PDB file of N, CA and C in Angstrom:
ATOM      1  N   MET A   1      -2.768   4.661  11.559  1.00  0.00           N
ATOM      2  CA  MET A   1      -1.709   5.293  11.921  1.00  0.00           C
ATOM      3  C   MET A   1      -0.346   4.288  12.531  1.00  0.00           C
ATOM      4  N   PHE A   2       0.887   4.538  11.856  1.00  0.00           N
ATOM      5  CA  PHE A   2       1.691   3.858  13.109  1.00  0.00           C
ATOM      6  C   PHE A   2       2.742   4.893  12.588  1.00  0.00           C
ATOM      7  N   SER A   3       3.602   4.656  13.239  1.00  0.00           N
ATOM      8  CA  SER A   3       5.946   5.956  13.332  1.00  0.00           C
ATOM      9  C   SER A   3       6.742   4.757  13.178  1.00  0.00           C
ATOM     10  N   THR A   4       7.471   5.339  12.729  1.00  0.00           N
ATOM     11  CA  THR A   4       8.466   4.554  11.852  1.00  0.00           C
ATOM     12  C   THR A   4      10.155   4.247  12.743  1.00  0.00           C
ATOM     13  N   GLY A   5       9.184   5.984  13.659  1.00  0.00           N
ATOM     14  CA  GLY A   5      10.391   6.672  14.972  1.00  0.00           C
ATOM     15  C   GLY A   5      11.046   7.441  14.529  1.00  0.00           C
ATOM     16  N   ARG A   6      11.105   7.808  13.468  1.00  0.00           N
ATOM     17  CA  ARG A   6      11.581   9.326  12.363  1.00  0.00           C
ATOM     18  C   ARG A   6      10.926  10.584  12.590  1.00  0.00           C
ATOM     19  N   GLU A   7      10.621  10.287  13.582  1.00  0.00           N
ATOM     20  CA  GLU A   7       9.277  12.066  14.336  1.00  0.00           C
ATOM     21  C   GLU A   7       8.245  12.438  13.013  1.00  0.00           C
ATOM     22  N   LEU A   8       7.535  11.180  12.702  1.00  0.00           N
ATOM     23  CA  LEU A   8       6.329  11.297  11.495  1.00  0.00           C
ATOM     24  C   LEU A   8       5.444  10.004  12.197  1.00  0.00           C
ATOM     25  N   MET A   9       4.376  10.178  12.276  1.00  0.00           N
ATOM     26  CA  MET A   9       3.256   9.587  11.709  1.00  0.00           C
ATOM     27  C   MET A   9       3.003   9.662  10.789  1.00  0.00           C
ATOM     28  N   HIS A  10       2.123   8.055  10.374  1.00  0.00           N
ATOM     29  CA  HIS A  10       1.565   7.466   9.115  1.00  0.00           C
ATOM     30  C   HIS A  10       0.557   7.255   8.773  1.00  0.00           C
ATOM     31  N   PHE A  11      -0.118   7.830   7.843  1.00  0.00           N
ATOM     32  CA  PHE A  11      -2.017   7.618   8.413  1.00  0.00           C
ATOM     33  C   PHE A  11      -1.394   7.778   6.714  1.00  0.00           C
ATOM     34  N   MET A  12      -2.355   6.189   6.277  1.00  0.00           N
ATOM     35  CA  MET A  12      -2.225   5.592   5.210  1.00  0.00           C
ATOM     36  C   MET A  12      -3.889   5.288   4.823  1.00  0.00           C
ATOM     37  N   TRP A  13      -4.455   5.140   3.139  1.00  0.00           N
ATOM     38  CA  TRP A  13      -6.165   6.155   3.227  1.00  0.00           C
ATOM     39  C   TRP A  13      -6.088   5.231   1.486  1.00  0.00           C
ATOM     40  N   SER A  14      -6.950   3.730   1.363  1.00  0.00           N
ATOM     41  CA  SER A  14      -7.591   3.559   0.206  1.00  0.00           C
ATOM     42  C   SER A  14      -8.172   4.309  -0.430  1.00  0.00           C
ATOM     43  N   GLU A  15      -8.326   4.479  -1.181  1.00  0.00           N
ATOM     44  CA  GLU A  15      -8.807   5.730  -2.321  1.00  0.00           C
ATOM     45  C   GLU A  15      -9.111   4.462  -3.910  1.00  0.00           C
ATOM     46  N   ASP A  16     -10.820   5.516  -4.057  1.00  0.00           N
ATOM     47  CA  ASP A  16     -11.399   5.022  -5.019  1.00  0.00           C
ATOM     48  C   ASP A  16     -12.355   3.789  -4.416  1.00  0.00           C
ATOM     49  N   ASP A  17     -12.863   2.905  -5.692  1.00  0.00           N
ATOM     50  CA  ASP A  17     -14.032   1.942  -5.255  1.00  0.00           C
ATOM     51  C   ASP A  17     -13.322   0.677  -5.132  1.00  0.00           C
ATOM     52  N   THR A  18     -13.264  -0.448  -4.423  1.00  0.00           N
ATOM     53  CA  THR A  18     -12.697  -1.333  -4.302  1.00  0.00           C
ATOM     54  C   THR A  18     -12.727  -2.410  -5.133  1.00  0.00           C
ATOM     55  N   ARG A  19     -13.906  -2.241  -5.988  1.00  0.00           N
ATOM     56  CA  ARG A  19     -14.342  -2.901  -7.516  1.00  0.00           C
ATOM     57  C   ARG A  19     -13.828  -2.730  -8.920  1.00  0.00           C
ATOM     58  N   SER A  20     -13.290  -1.303  -8.266  1.00  0.00           N
ATOM     59  CA  SER A  20     -12.649   0.317  -9.401  1.00  0.00           C
ATOM     60  C   SER A  20     -10.218  -1.464  -9.617  1.00  0.00           C
ATOM     61  N   PRO A  21     -10.353  -0.739 -10.546  1.00  0.00           N
ATOM     62  CA  PRO A  21      -9.141  -1.671 -11.420  1.00  0.00           C
ATOM     63  C   PRO A  21      -8.003   0.027 -10.794  1.00  0.00           C
ATOM     64  N   GLY A  22      -8.253   0.856 -10.171  1.00  0.00           N
ATOM     65  CA  GLY A  22      -7.404   2.342  -9.824  1.00  0.00           C
ATOM     66  C   GLY A  22      -7.190   2.387  -8.229  1.00  0.00           C
ATOM     67  N   TYR A  23      -8.569   1.002  -7.754  1.00  0.00           N
ATOM     68  CA  TYR A  23      -7.484   1.215  -6.233  1.00  0.00           C
ATOM     69  C   TYR A  23      -6.939   1.005  -6.107  1.00  0.00           C
ATOM     70  N   ARG A  24      -6.614   1.849  -4.525  1.00  0.00           N
ATOM     71  CA  ARG A  24      -4.923   2.961  -4.421  1.00  0.00           C
ATOM     72  C   ARG A  24      -5.161   2.956  -2.302  1.00  0.00           C
ATOM     73  N   VAL A  25      -3.573   3.592  -2.588  1.00  0.00           N
ATOM     74  CA  VAL A  25      -3.676   3.227  -1.358  1.00  0.00           C
ATOM     75  C   VAL A  25      -2.262   5.309  -1.373  1.00  0.00           C
ATOM     76  N   ARG A  26      -2.800   6.174  -0.481  1.00  0.00           N
ATOM     77  CA  ARG A  26      -1.975   6.976  -0.577  1.00  0.00           C
ATOM     78  C   ARG A  26      -1.673   7.192   0.685  1.00  0.00           C
ATOM     79  N   TYR A  27      -1.154   8.639   1.364  1.00  0.00           N
ATOM     80  CA  TYR A  27      -0.885   8.668   2.650  1.00  0.00           C
ATOM     81  C   TYR A  27      -0.729  10.404   2.926  1.00  0.00           C
ATOM     82  N   GLY A  28      -0.761   9.905   4.993  1.00  0.00           N
ATOM     83  CA  GLY A  28      -0.298  11.815   4.900  1.00  0.00           C
ATOM     84  C   GLY A  28       0.741  11.698   5.743  1.00  0.00           C
ATOM     85  N   THR A  29       1.128  12.946   6.562  1.00  0.00           N
ATOM     86  CA  THR A  29       1.745  12.398   7.469  1.00  0.00           C
ATOM     87  C   THR A  29       1.675  13.564   8.647  1.00  0.00           C
ATOM     88  N   ALA A  30       2.154  13.040   9.868  1.00  0.00           N
ATOM     89  CA  ALA A  30       1.733  14.518  10.366  1.00  0.00           C
ATOM     90  C   ALA A  30       3.078  13.929  11.812  1.00  0.00           C
ATOM     91  N   THR A  31       3.263  15.109  12.697  1.00  0.00           N
ATOM     92  CA  THR A  31       4.018  14.591  14.101  1.00  0.00           C
ATOM     93  C   THR A  31       3.671  14.371  14.960  1.00  0.00           C
ATOM     94  N   SER A  32       2.726  14.356  15.629  1.00  0.00           N
ATOM     95  CA  SER A  32       1.109  13.614  16.391  1.00  0.00           C
ATOM     96  C   SER A  32       0.218  13.844  16.145  1.00  0.00           C
ATOM     97  N   PRO A  33      -0.348  12.478  17.017  1.00  0.00           N
ATOM     98  CA  PRO A  33      -1.462  11.529  16.373  1.00  0.00           C
ATOM     99  C   PRO A  33      -3.539  12.528  15.583  1.00  0.00           C
ATOM    100  N   THR A  34      -2.564  13.318  16.521  1.00  0.00           N
ATOM    101  CA  THR A  34      -3.911  14.556  16.563  1.00  0.00           C
ATOM    102  C   THR A  34      -3.873  15.741  14.979  1.00  0.00           C
ATOM    103  N   GLY A  35      -2.812  15.300  14.827  1.00  0.00           N
ATOM    104  CA  GLY A  35      -2.336  15.713  13.453  1.00  0.00           C
ATOM    105  C   GLY A  35      -1.536  17.200  13.755  1.00  0.00           C
ATOM    106  N   PRO A  36      -1.531  18.758  12.539  1.00  0.00           N
ATOM    107  CA  PRO A  36      -2.383  18.083  11.386  1.00  0.00           C
ATOM    108  C   PRO A  36      -1.982  17.102  10.748  1.00  0.00           C
ATOM    109  N   LEU A  37      -2.242  16.464   9.802  1.00  0.00           N
ATOM    110  CA  LEU A  37      -2.152  16.223   8.534  1.00  0.00           C
ATOM    111  C   LEU A  37      -1.099  16.690   7.559  1.00  0.00           C
ATOM    112  N   THR A  38       0.510  16.176   7.344  1.00  0.00           N
ATOM    113  CA  THR A  38      -0.001  16.944   5.360  1.00  0.00           C
ATOM    114  C   THR A  38       0.663  15.458   4.501  1.00  0.00           C
ATOM    115  N   ILE A  39      -0.474  16.175   3.550  1.00  0.00           N
ATOM    116  CA  ILE A  39      -1.105  14.960   2.472  1.00  0.00           C
ATOM    117  C   ILE A  39       0.445  15.467   1.425  1.00  0.00           C
ATOM    118  N   PRO A  40       1.387  14.955   1.278  1.00  0.00           N
ATOM    119  CA  PRO A  40       1.977  15.590   0.329  1.00  0.00           C
ATOM    120  C   PRO A  40       1.710  15.328  -1.366  1.00  0.00           C
ATOM    121  N   ALA A  41       2.447  16.236  -2.343  1.00  0.00           N
ATOM    122  CA  ALA A  41       2.022  16.448  -3.412  1.00  0.00           C
ATOM    123  C   ALA A  41       2.111  15.458  -3.870  1.00  0.00           C
ATOM    124  N   ASP A  42       3.254  14.081  -4.103  1.00  0.00           N
ATOM    125  CA  ASP A  42       3.080  12.945  -5.278  1.00  0.00           C
ATOM    126  C   ASP A  42       3.437  11.432  -4.002  1.00  0.00           C
ATOM    127  N   ASN A  43       2.474  11.240  -3.731  1.00  0.00           N
ATOM    128  CA  ASN A  43       1.667  10.569  -2.185  1.00  0.00           C
ATOM    129  C   ASN A  43       1.462   9.111  -2.022  1.00  0.00           C
ATOM    130  N   ILE A  44       1.638   8.041  -2.821  1.00  0.00           N
ATOM    131  CA  ILE A  44       0.294   7.090  -3.544  1.00  0.00           C
ATOM    132  C   ILE A  44       1.438   5.708  -2.857  1.00  0.00           C
ATOM    133  N   VAL A  45       1.134   5.358  -2.258  1.00  0.00           N
ATOM    134  CA  VAL A  45       1.714   4.078  -1.880  1.00  0.00           C
ATOM    135  C   VAL A  45       2.028   2.763  -2.913  1.00  0.00           C
ATOM    136  N   ILE A  46       1.181   2.555  -3.158  1.00  0.00           N
ATOM    137  CA  ILE A  46       0.601   1.453  -3.862  1.00  0.00           C
ATOM    138  C   ILE A  46      -0.217   1.529  -4.535  1.00  0.00           C
ATOM    139  N   GLN A  47      -0.893   1.341  -6.076  1.00  0.00           N
ATOM    140  CA  GLN A  47      -1.938   1.678  -7.107  1.00  0.00           C
ATOM    141  C   GLN A  47      -1.736   0.278  -8.199  1.00  0.00           C
ATOM    142  N   LYS A  48      -2.483   0.095  -8.482  1.00  0.00           N
ATOM    143  CA  LYS A  48      -2.109  -1.231  -9.078  1.00  0.00           C
ATOM    144  C   LYS A  48      -0.278  -0.945 -10.567  1.00  0.00           C
ATOM    145  N   ASN A  49      -0.507  -2.366 -11.266  1.00  0.00           N
ATOM    146  CA  ASN A  49       0.621  -2.219 -12.220  1.00  0.00           C
ATOM    147  C   ASN A  49       0.222  -2.677 -13.434  1.00  0.00           C
ATOM    148  N   GLU A  50      -0.002  -1.979 -14.881  1.00  0.00           N
ATOM    149  CA  GLU A  50      -0.810  -2.753 -16.238  1.00  0.00           C
ATOM    150  C   GLU A  50       0.963  -3.020 -16.562  1.00  0.00           C
ATOM    151  N   ALA A  51       1.009  -2.911 -16.815  1.00  0.00           N
ATOM    152  CA  ALA A  51       2.535  -3.891 -17.171  1.00  0.00           C
ATOM    153  C   ALA A  51       2.754  -5.302 -16.596  1.00  0.00           C
ATOM    154  N   GLU A  52       1.731  -5.691 -15.351  1.00  0.00           N
ATOM    155  CA  GLU A  52       1.811  -7.154 -15.011  1.00  0.00           C
ATOM    156  C   GLU A  52       0.234  -7.277 -14.385  1.00  0.00           C
ATOM    157  N   GLY A  53      -0.547  -6.916 -15.492  1.00  0.00           N
ATOM    158  CA  GLY A  53      -1.357  -7.483 -14.401  1.00  0.00           C
ATOM    159  C   GLY A  53      -2.144  -8.068 -13.290  1.00  0.00           C
ATOM    160  N   ILE A  54      -1.143  -6.494 -12.898  1.00  0.00           N
ATOM    161  CA  ILE A  54      -1.977  -6.421 -11.130  1.00  0.00           C
ATOM    162  C   ILE A  54      -2.888  -4.848 -11.360  1.00  0.00           C
ATOM    163  N   TYR A  55      -3.637  -4.522 -10.605  1.00  0.00           N
ATOM    164  CA  TYR A  55      -5.152  -4.368 -10.453  1.00  0.00           C
ATOM    165  C   TYR A  55      -6.177  -4.069  -9.400  1.00  0.00           C
ATOM    166  N   GLY A  56      -6.726  -3.178  -8.856  1.00  0.00           N
ATOM    167  CA  GLY A  56      -7.449  -2.798  -7.564  1.00  0.00           C
ATOM    168  C   GLY A  56      -6.526  -2.598  -6.147  1.00  0.00           C
ATOM    169  N   ALA A  57      -5.547  -2.544  -6.604  1.00  0.00           N
ATOM    170  CA  ALA A  57      -4.704  -2.683  -4.932  1.00  0.00           C
ATOM    171  C   ALA A  57      -4.406  -1.467  -4.333  1.00  0.00           C
ATOM    172  N   GLY A  58      -5.611  -2.147  -2.650  1.00  0.00           N
ATOM    173  CA  GLY A  58      -6.188  -1.317  -1.520  1.00  0.00           C
ATOM    174  C   GLY A  58      -6.257  -2.294  -0.293  1.00  0.00           C
ATOM    175  N   HIS A  59      -6.522  -1.025   0.095  1.00  0.00           N
ATOM    176  CA  HIS A  59      -6.639  -1.541   1.594  1.00  0.00           C
ATOM    177  C   HIS A  59      -5.420  -2.684   2.540  1.00  0.00           C
ATOM    178  N   ASN A  60      -4.608  -2.003   3.567  1.00  0.00           N
ATOM    179  CA  ASN A  60      -3.830  -1.714   4.097  1.00  0.00           C
ATOM    180  C   ASN A  60      -3.579  -2.141   5.045  1.00  0.00           C
ATOM    181  N   SER A  61      -2.910  -3.395   5.623  1.00  0.00           N
ATOM    182  CA  SER A  61      -1.788  -2.325   7.166  1.00  0.00           C
ATOM    183  C   SER A  61      -0.341  -3.172   6.433  1.00  0.00           C
ATOM    184  N   VAL A  62      -0.084  -2.769   7.552  1.00  0.00           N
ATOM    185  CA  VAL A  62       1.347  -2.638   8.033  1.00  0.00           C
ATOM    186  C   VAL A  62       2.475  -4.010   9.230  1.00  0.00           C
ATOM    187  N   ILE A  63       3.195  -3.357   8.634  1.00  0.00           N
ATOM    188  CA  ILE A  63       3.838  -4.440   9.128  1.00  0.00           C
ATOM    189  C   ILE A  63       5.466  -4.116   9.701  1.00  0.00           C
ATOM    190  N   GLN A  64       5.785  -4.019  10.682  1.00  0.00           N
ATOM    191  CA  GLN A  64       7.671  -4.361  10.578  1.00  0.00           C
ATOM    192  C   GLN A  64       8.058  -5.158  11.193  1.00  0.00           C
ATOM    193  N   ILE A  65       8.856  -5.982  11.251  1.00  0.00           N
ATOM    194  CA  ILE A  65      10.068  -7.101  11.579  1.00  0.00           C
ATOM    195  C   ILE A  65      10.489  -6.306  12.435  1.00  0.00           C
ATOM    196  N   PRO A  66       9.921  -7.014  13.890  1.00  0.00           N
ATOM    197  CA  PRO A  66      11.005  -6.234  15.571  1.00  0.00           C
ATOM    198  C   PRO A  66      11.618  -6.064  15.219  1.00  0.00           C
ATOM    199  N   GLY A  67      13.046  -5.184  15.790  1.00  0.00           N
ATOM    200  CA  GLY A  67      14.065  -4.780  15.909  1.00  0.00           C
ATOM    201  C   GLY A  67      14.177  -4.193  14.389  1.00  0.00           C
ATOM    202  N   THR A  68      13.930  -4.506  13.084  1.00  0.00           N
ATOM    203  CA  THR A  68      14.595  -3.468  12.460  1.00  0.00           C
ATOM    204  C   THR A  68      14.313  -2.353  11.653  1.00  0.00           C
ATOM    205  N   ASP A  69      14.515  -1.974  10.916  1.00  0.00           N
ATOM    206  CA  ASP A  69      13.707  -1.121   9.945  1.00  0.00           C
ATOM    207  C   ASP A  69      13.275  -1.755   8.885  1.00  0.00           C
ATOM    208  N   ASP A  70      12.464  -3.509   8.585  1.00  0.00           N
ATOM    209  CA  ASP A  70      12.142  -3.958   7.641  1.00  0.00           C
ATOM    210  C   ASP A  70      10.190  -4.001   7.971  1.00  0.00           C
ATOM    211  N   TRP A  71       9.910  -2.880   6.730  1.00  0.00           N
ATOM    212  CA  TRP A  71       8.527  -2.876   6.577  1.00  0.00           C
ATOM    213  C   TRP A  71       7.370  -2.967   5.179  1.00  0.00           C
ATOM    214  N   TYR A  72       6.248  -3.653   5.980  1.00  0.00           N
ATOM    215  CA  TYR A  72       5.851  -4.659   4.590  1.00  0.00           C
ATOM    216  C   TYR A  72       4.334  -3.205   4.492  1.00  0.00           C
ATOM    217  N   ILE A  73       4.251  -3.522   3.180  1.00  0.00           N
ATOM    218  CA  ILE A  73       2.845  -3.843   4.013  1.00  0.00           C
ATOM    219  C   ILE A  73       1.824  -4.474   3.567  1.00  0.00           C
ATOM    220  N   VAL A  74       0.793  -5.264   3.247  1.00  0.00           N
ATOM    221  CA  VAL A  74       0.010  -6.442   3.084  1.00  0.00           C
ATOM    222  C   VAL A  74      -1.661  -5.578   2.144  1.00  0.00           C
ATOM    223  N   TYR A  75      -1.665  -5.495   1.696  1.00  0.00           N
ATOM    224  CA  TYR A  75      -3.108  -5.247   0.706  1.00  0.00           C
ATOM    225  C   TYR A  75      -4.086  -6.780   0.223  1.00  0.00           C
ATOM    226  N   HIS A  76      -4.464  -6.399  -0.192  1.00  0.00           N
ATOM    227  CA  HIS A  76      -4.943  -7.306  -1.741  1.00  0.00           C
ATOM    228  C   HIS A  76      -5.110  -6.629  -2.829  1.00  0.00           C
ATOM    229  N   ARG A  77      -5.346  -8.033  -3.836  1.00  0.00           N
ATOM    230  CA  ARG A  77      -6.026  -7.610  -4.535  1.00  0.00           C
ATOM    231  C   ARG A  77      -7.054  -7.695  -6.049  1.00  0.00           C
ATOM    232  N   PHE A  78      -7.045  -7.083  -7.027  1.00  0.00           N
ATOM    233  CA  PHE A  78      -8.239  -8.335  -8.037  1.00  0.00           C
ATOM    234  C   PHE A  78      -7.771  -9.738  -8.335  1.00  0.00           C
ATOM    235  N   THR A  79      -8.305 -10.556  -8.378  1.00  0.00           N
ATOM    236  CA  THR A  79      -7.311 -12.024  -8.353  1.00  0.00           C
ATOM    237  C   THR A  79      -7.106 -11.715 -10.092  1.00  0.00           C
ATOM    238  N   TYR A  80      -5.661 -12.526  -9.763  1.00  0.00           N
ATOM    239  CA  TYR A  80      -4.563 -12.817 -11.094  1.00  0.00           C
ATOM    240  C   TYR A  80      -4.800 -14.563 -11.676  1.00  0.00           C
ATOM    241  N   PRO A  81      -5.520 -14.034 -13.374  1.00  0.00           N
ATOM    242  CA  PRO A  81      -5.054 -13.362 -14.073  1.00  0.00           C
ATOM    243  C   PRO A  81      -6.502 -13.062 -14.443  1.00  0.00           C
ATOM    244  N   ASN A  82      -7.174 -13.369 -13.461  1.00  0.00           N
ATOM    245  CA  ASN A  82      -8.785 -12.629 -14.162  1.00  0.00           C
ATOM    246  C   ASN A  82     -10.367 -12.030 -13.742  1.00  0.00           C
ATOM    247  N   GLY A  83      -9.669 -11.323 -12.323  1.00  0.00           N
ATOM    248  CA  GLY A  83     -10.776 -10.388 -12.296  1.00  0.00           C
ATOM    249  C   GLY A  83     -10.102  -9.866 -12.918  1.00  0.00           C
ATOM    250  N   ILE A  84      -9.298  -8.910 -13.352  1.00  0.00           N
ATOM    251  CA  ILE A  84      -9.878  -7.540 -14.793  1.00  0.00           C
ATOM    252  C   ILE A  84     -10.620  -7.918 -15.799  1.00  0.00           C
ATOM    253  N   LYS A  85     -10.798  -9.370 -15.777  1.00  0.00           N
ATOM    254  CA  LYS A  85     -12.139  -9.370 -16.948  1.00  0.00           C
ATOM    255  C   LYS A  85     -13.785  -9.755 -15.967  1.00  0.00           C
ATOM    256  N   MET A  86     -13.048  -9.501 -14.652  1.00  0.00           N
ATOM    257  CA  MET A  86     -15.317  -9.691 -13.869  1.00  0.00           C
ATOM    258  C   MET A  86     -15.821  -8.326 -13.776  1.00  0.00           C
ATOM    259  N   GLY A  87     -15.688  -6.986 -14.210  1.00  0.00           N
ATOM    260  CA  GLY A  87     -15.433  -5.762 -13.902  1.00  0.00           C
ATOM    261  C   GLY A  87     -15.971  -5.297 -12.891  1.00  0.00           C
ATOM    262  N   SER A  88     -17.023  -5.071 -11.819  1.00  0.00           N
ATOM    263  CA  SER A  88     -17.787  -4.588 -11.040  1.00  0.00           C
ATOM    264  C   SER A  88     -17.096  -6.151  -9.588  1.00  0.00           C
ATOM    265  N   ALA A  89     -17.579  -7.293  -9.833  1.00  0.00           N
ATOM    266  CA  ALA A  89     -17.333  -7.750  -9.411  1.00  0.00           C
ATOM    267  C   ALA A  89     -16.265  -8.642  -8.833  1.00  0.00           C
ATOM    268  N   ALA A  90     -14.772  -7.866  -9.067  1.00  0.00           N
ATOM    269  CA  ALA A  90     -13.849  -7.689  -9.921  1.00  0.00           C
ATOM    270  C   ALA A  90     -13.364  -7.956  -8.394  1.00  0.00           C
ATOM    271  N   GLY A  91     -14.040  -6.355  -7.620  1.00  0.00           N
ATOM    272  CA  GLY A  91     -14.076  -6.292  -6.425  1.00  0.00           C
ATOM    273  C   GLY A  91     -14.497  -6.958  -5.464  1.00  0.00           C
ATOM    274  N   TYR A  92     -14.703  -8.685  -5.292  1.00  0.00           N
ATOM    275  CA  TYR A  92     -14.881  -9.325  -4.141  1.00  0.00           C
ATOM    276  C   TYR A  92     -14.856 -10.137  -4.685  1.00  0.00           C
ATOM    277  N   ASN A  93     -13.777 -10.503  -5.854  1.00  0.00           N
ATOM    278  CA  ASN A  93     -12.757 -11.138  -5.775  1.00  0.00           C
ATOM    279  C   ASN A  93     -10.723 -11.271  -5.791  1.00  0.00           C
ATOM    280  N   ARG A  94     -10.372 -10.626  -4.842  1.00  0.00           N
ATOM    281  CA  ARG A  94      -9.456 -10.637  -4.177  1.00  0.00           C
ATOM    282  C   ARG A  94      -8.343 -11.395  -3.622  1.00  0.00           C
ATOM    283  N   GLU A  95      -7.713 -11.291  -3.986  1.00  0.00           N
ATOM    284  CA  GLU A  95      -5.585 -12.204  -3.363  1.00  0.00           C
ATOM    285  C   GLU A  95      -5.531 -11.103  -1.845  1.00  0.00           C
ATOM    286  N   VAL A  96      -4.090 -11.833  -1.387  1.00  0.00           N
ATOM    287  CA  VAL A  96      -3.273 -11.195   0.033  1.00  0.00           C
ATOM    288  C   VAL A  96      -2.573 -11.672  -0.644  1.00  0.00           C
ATOM    289  N   CYS A  97      -1.601  -9.996  -0.774  1.00  0.00           N
ATOM    290  CA  CYS A  97      -0.231  -9.552  -1.294  1.00  0.00           C
ATOM    291  C   CYS A  97       0.378  -9.294  -0.418  1.00  0.00           C
ATOM    292  N   ILE A  98       1.447  -9.259   0.164  1.00  0.00           N
ATOM    293  CA  ILE A  98       2.403  -8.353   0.386  1.00  0.00           C
ATOM    294  C   ILE A  98       3.853  -8.096  -0.463  1.00  0.00           C
ATOM    295  N   ASP A  99       3.974  -6.868   0.190  1.00  0.00           N
ATOM    296  CA  ASP A  99       6.101  -6.785  -0.548  1.00  0.00           C
ATOM    297  C   ASP A  99       6.072  -5.248   0.152  1.00  0.00           C
ATOM    298  N   LYS A 100       7.383  -4.941  -0.359  1.00  0.00           N
ATOM    299  CA  LYS A 100       8.264  -3.991   0.760  1.00  0.00           C
ATOM    300  C   LYS A 100       7.997  -2.585   0.734  1.00  0.00           C
ATOM    301  N   LEU A 101       7.851  -2.685   2.372  1.00  0.00           N
ATOM    302  CA  LEU A 101       7.127  -1.053   1.979  1.00  0.00           C
ATOM    303  C   LEU A 101       8.796   0.180   2.406  1.00  0.00           C
ATOM    304  N   VAL A 102       9.362   1.061   1.728  1.00  0.00           N
ATOM    305  CA  VAL A 102      10.683   1.548   1.547  1.00  0.00           C
ATOM    306  C   VAL A 102      10.088   2.890   2.382  1.00  0.00           C
ATOM    307  N   PHE A 103      10.891   4.025   3.032  1.00  0.00           N
ATOM    308  CA  PHE A 103      10.867   5.233   3.664  1.00  0.00           C
ATOM    309  C   PHE A 103      12.701   6.002   3.143  1.00  0.00           C
ATOM    310  N   ASN A 104      12.475   6.682   2.458  1.00  0.00           N
ATOM    311  CA  ASN A 104      12.789   7.998   2.625  1.00  0.00           C
ATOM    312  C   ASN A 104      13.775   7.913   3.551  1.00  0.00           C
ATOM    313  N   ALA A 105      14.983   8.806   3.615  1.00  0.00           N
ATOM    314  CA  ALA A 105      15.222  10.006   4.620  1.00  0.00           C
ATOM    315  C   ALA A 105      15.174  10.865   5.537  1.00  0.00           C
ATOM    316  N   ASP A 106      14.124  11.838   4.700  1.00  0.00           N
ATOM    317  CA  ASP A 106      13.103  12.240   5.240  1.00  0.00           C
ATOM    318  C   ASP A 106      11.185  11.181   5.887  1.00  0.00           C
ATOM    319  N   GLY A 107      11.448  10.176   5.716  1.00  0.00           N
ATOM    320  CA  GLY A 107      10.270  10.048   6.587  1.00  0.00           C
ATOM    321  C   GLY A 107       9.197   9.714   5.358  1.00  0.00           C
ATOM    322  N   SER A 108       9.173  10.645   3.993  1.00  0.00           N
ATOM    323  CA  SER A 108       8.542   9.649   2.732  1.00  0.00           C
ATOM    324  C   SER A 108       8.508   8.449   2.393  1.00  0.00           C
ATOM    325  N   ILE A 109       7.467   7.715   1.447  1.00  0.00           N
ATOM    326  CA  ILE A 109       7.288   6.298   1.462  1.00  0.00           C
ATOM    327  C   ILE A 109       7.578   6.578  -0.182  1.00  0.00           C
ATOM    328  N   ARG A 110       8.302   5.688  -0.402  1.00  0.00           N
ATOM    329  CA  ARG A 110       8.931   5.866  -1.879  1.00  0.00           C
ATOM    330  C   ARG A 110       7.368   4.119  -2.567  1.00  0.00           C
ATOM    331  N   GLN A 111       7.132   4.685  -2.435  1.00  0.00           N
ATOM    332  CA  GLN A 111       5.866   4.594  -3.682  1.00  0.00           C
ATOM    333  C   GLN A 111       6.775   2.691  -4.157  1.00  0.00           C
ATOM    334  N   THR A 112       5.342   1.629  -3.813  1.00  0.00           N
ATOM    335  CA  THR A 112       5.503   0.798  -3.917  1.00  0.00           C
ATOM    336  C   THR A 112       5.281   0.027  -4.655  1.00  0.00           C
ATOM    337  N   ILE A 113       5.576  -0.372  -5.821  1.00  0.00           N
ATOM    338  CA  ILE A 113       5.309  -1.274  -7.071  1.00  0.00           C
ATOM    339  C   ILE A 113       5.174  -2.829  -6.770  1.00  0.00           C
ATOM    340  N   PRO A 114       3.643  -2.943  -6.626  1.00  0.00           N
ATOM    341  CA  PRO A 114       3.129  -4.264  -6.280  1.00  0.00           C
ATOM    342  C   PRO A 114       3.845  -5.528  -7.412  1.00  0.00           C
ATOM    343  N   THR A 115       4.354  -6.885  -7.593  1.00  0.00           N
ATOM    344  CA  THR A 115       4.473  -7.841  -8.108  1.00  0.00           C
ATOM    345  C   THR A 115       4.270  -8.926  -8.032  1.00  0.00           C
ATOM    346  N   HIS A 116       3.760  -9.933  -9.200  1.00  0.00           N
ATOM    347  CA  HIS A 116       3.839 -11.556  -8.614  1.00  0.00           C
ATOM    348  C   HIS A 116       5.064 -12.165  -7.719  1.00  0.00           C
ATOM    349  N   LYS A 117       5.442 -11.490  -7.557  1.00  0.00           N
ATOM    350  CA  LYS A 117       6.711 -12.526  -7.058  1.00  0.00           C
ATOM    351  C   LYS A 117       6.788 -12.292  -4.735  1.00  0.00           C
ATOM    352  N   GLY A 118       5.878 -11.140  -4.437  1.00  0.00           N
ATOM    353  CA  GLY A 118       5.940 -11.237  -3.198  1.00  0.00           C
ATOM    354  C   GLY A 118       6.946 -10.131  -2.720  1.00  0.00           C
ATOM    355  N   VAL A 119       7.329 -11.364  -1.343  1.00  0.00           N
ATOM    356  CA  VAL A 119       9.330 -10.863  -0.743  1.00  0.00           C
ATOM    357  C   VAL A 119       9.884 -12.206   0.356  1.00  0.00           C
ATOM    358  N   THR A 120      10.208 -12.929   0.024  1.00  0.00           N
ATOM    359  CA  THR A 120      11.182 -13.831   0.260  1.00  0.00           C
ATOM    360  C   THR A 120      10.259 -13.902   1.620  1.00  0.00           C
ATOM    361  N   ALA A 121      11.198 -14.916   2.500  1.00  0.00           N
ATOM    362  CA  ALA A 121      11.279 -15.142   3.219  1.00  0.00           C
ATOM    363  C   ALA A 121      10.877 -14.480   4.206  1.00  0.00           C
ATOM    364  N   ILE A 122      10.842 -14.291   5.498  1.00  0.00           N
ATOM    365  CA  ILE A 122      11.299 -12.734   6.276  1.00  0.00           C
ATOM    366  C   ILE A 122      11.168 -13.519   7.461  1.00  0.00           C
ATOM    367  N   LYS A 123      12.560 -12.680   7.959  1.00  0.00           N
ATOM    368  CA  LYS A 123      12.956 -12.846   9.409  1.00  0.00           C
ATOM    369  C   LYS A 123      12.376 -12.647  10.558  1.00  0.00           C
TER     370      LYS A 123
END
C-alpha cells in the first residue's frame, strides 16, 4: 500500500498464477490503511501486451522519484521472446522490467501498457 499525496492509499495485488500468460496487477483505494477498500470497475494496472509479445506481467513494486510526481512500476514478466513458448515453466523464467505509472487527477491509476523500451534515464 502506498500514498501519492492525493488523499488516497493505493493497494495493489497480482491476480492469476505466475505461470499464466494472463498474470496481471490490479488495484483498489482507501482513505486509510485500515480501509475500507474501494475497488474500481476498471482497475487493471498492468497486464499482457500480446501485440508486443509480452505476457505474464505481474508481481510489482512502485517507486517515486523523491521530490517529484514521477512514479514507476517495477514488475516481472515472461522472458522475451521465448517465455510464451515454455508453457507453465515460463512462470519461473522471468525478466524484471520498469515502466512509467500514471495517475489521473482523481487518484485512479491509468493502465500501464508494458513495452520493450522501459523508461529513459531516471533523474
